[in-house]
Every structure is written in C-alpha cells, then in structure tokens.
Amino acid sequence: GDLNCCGGHCTNLWVDLFNPGTTAWRISLAYDLFKRRFPEAPRDLQKAPCDFRRDKWYTEDPWPREDPWKRANLAKTVNFRLSTSDQHI
C-alpha cells in the first residue's frame, strides 16, 4: 500500500473509507486481531446497551442568552446621536 504512509510504513487499510463492504472488512480485521490478543474472549463482543441520557446531556443552559456586543454597539449609537445632535444646535 502506497496511499497512506507514515515514517516509511504504508498501508491501504483506509482506502475506500466510505464503502460499506470495505468497512466491514476492516471491522473483521479488528475482530481477528482482538481474538489473537485475547484468545479466551469471544471474537465478537455483545453490543453494549446505550446509556445515553439526552436530558442530562442537553440540559437547559442556566446562563442568560445575551449578545455581548449589543451593549457596546448601543453605547456607540447613543454617543454618535448625541455628538451629531450637538452639532445641529
């Protein structure tokens, strides 16, 4: 593989990244390596249950939503209006 090289070591492992068949092959390789490293464990572990708590992750933000530049721009506008109105007197 000469498409993905790092330090003189090349691989074609990541070629065709979004192809489902090639991705399944990569997953199979990972399972095989896991089984070689941990022969007493099953090759394919069971799917872990999802414990994602949307209500905990996406809680209401306690900070007030405020444009930090709004106050600065308002002050500039007021100062501009005051300075221009002084000129017309």
Protein backbone atom coordinates (compact mmCIF):
# COMPACT_ATOMS: atom_id res chain seq x y z
CA GLY A 1 0.00 0.00 0.00
CA ASP A 2 1.46 3.32 -1.03
CA LEU A 3 -1.56 5.55 -0.46
CA ASN A 4 -1.26 6.14 3.29
CA CYS A 5 2.32 6.37 4.52
CA CYS A 6 3.83 7.47 7.81
CA GLY A 7 7.53 7.18 8.57
CA GLY A 8 8.11 4.87 5.62
CA HIS A 9 5.35 2.44 6.66
CA CYS A 10 2.46 2.34 4.21
CA THR A 11 -0.99 0.79 4.32
CA ASN A 12 -4.10 0.57 2.19
CA LEU A 13 -6.27 -0.06 5.26
CA TRP A 14 -8.09 3.26 4.94
CA VAL A 15 -8.62 3.16 1.17
CA ASP A 16 -12.29 3.33 0.13
CA LEU A 17 -13.21 4.70 3.55
CA PHE A 18 -16.97 5.07 2.97
CA ASN A 19 -17.57 1.74 1.22
CA PRO A 20 -19.73 -0.49 3.50
CA GLY A 21 -18.08 -3.69 2.24
CA THR A 22 -14.56 -2.38 2.81
CA THR A 23 -15.58 -1.06 6.23
CA ALA A 24 -16.97 -4.50 7.16
CA TRP A 25 -13.61 -6.00 6.12
CA ARG A 26 -11.77 -3.53 8.39
CA ILE A 27 -14.06 -4.42 11.29
CA SER A 28 -13.44 -8.11 10.65
CA LEU A 29 -9.68 -7.46 10.79
CA ALA A 30 -10.12 -5.70 14.13
CA TYR A 31 -12.12 -8.66 15.47
CA ASP A 32 -9.40 -11.06 14.32
CA LEU A 33 -6.67 -9.01 16.00
CA PHE A 34 -8.71 -8.85 19.21
CA LYS A 35 -9.21 -12.63 19.16
CA ARG A 36 -5.48 -13.19 18.62
CA ARG A 37 -4.61 -10.93 21.55
CA PHE A 38 -7.35 -12.26 23.84
CA PRO A 39 -7.94 -15.89 22.75
CA GLU A 40 -10.10 -16.68 25.80
CA ALA A 41 -12.57 -13.89 24.94
CA PRO A 42 -15.21 -14.20 22.25
CA ARG A 43 -14.21 -12.77 18.86
CA ASP A 44 -17.25 -10.51 18.74
CA LEU A 45 -18.43 -8.94 21.99
CA GLN A 46 -22.11 -8.24 22.52
CA LYS A 47 -23.40 -4.81 21.63
CA ALA A 48 -23.22 -2.57 24.68
CA PRO A 49 -26.52 -1.12 25.87
CA CYS A 50 -26.97 2.57 25.20
CA ASP A 51 -26.99 4.57 28.44
CA PHE A 52 -27.05 7.98 26.81
CA ARG A 53 -29.25 10.37 28.77
CA ARG A 54 -30.41 13.12 26.45
CA ASP A 55 -31.95 15.05 29.35
CA LYS A 56 -28.59 15.07 31.16
CA TRP A 57 -26.52 15.99 28.10
CA TYR A 58 -28.85 18.64 26.70
CA THR A 59 -29.99 20.39 29.86
CA GLU A 60 -31.32 23.93 29.80
CA ASP A 61 -28.46 26.43 29.78
CA PRO A 62 -28.56 28.42 33.06
CA TRP A 63 -26.68 31.37 31.56
CA PRO A 64 -28.77 34.16 30.08
CA ARG A 65 -28.50 34.42 26.32
CA GLU A 66 -27.17 37.87 25.66
CA ASP A 67 -25.28 39.42 22.79
CA PRO A 68 -22.03 40.69 24.39
CA TRP A 69 -21.65 43.31 21.66
CA LYS A 70 -25.18 44.63 21.86
CA ARG A 71 -24.45 46.90 24.83
CA ALA A 72 -21.22 48.21 23.25
CA ASN A 73 -22.97 48.93 19.95
CA LEU A 74 -25.84 50.64 21.74
CA ALA A 75 -23.38 52.90 23.58
CA LYS A 76 -21.68 53.82 20.31
CA THR A 77 -25.04 54.60 18.71
CA VAL A 78 -26.13 56.78 21.63
CA ASN A 79 -22.79 58.61 21.66
CA PHE A 80 -22.99 59.12 17.89
CA ARG A 81 -26.52 60.51 18.13
CA LEU A 82 -25.55 62.82 20.97
CA SER A 83 -22.49 64.11 19.16
CA THR A 84 -24.37 64.70 15.89
CA SER A 85 -27.33 66.36 17.59
CA ASP A 86 -24.95 68.74 19.42
CA GLN A 87 -23.66 69.93 16.06
CA HIS A 88 -27.11 70.95 14.86
CA ILE A 89 -27.88 73.22 17.80
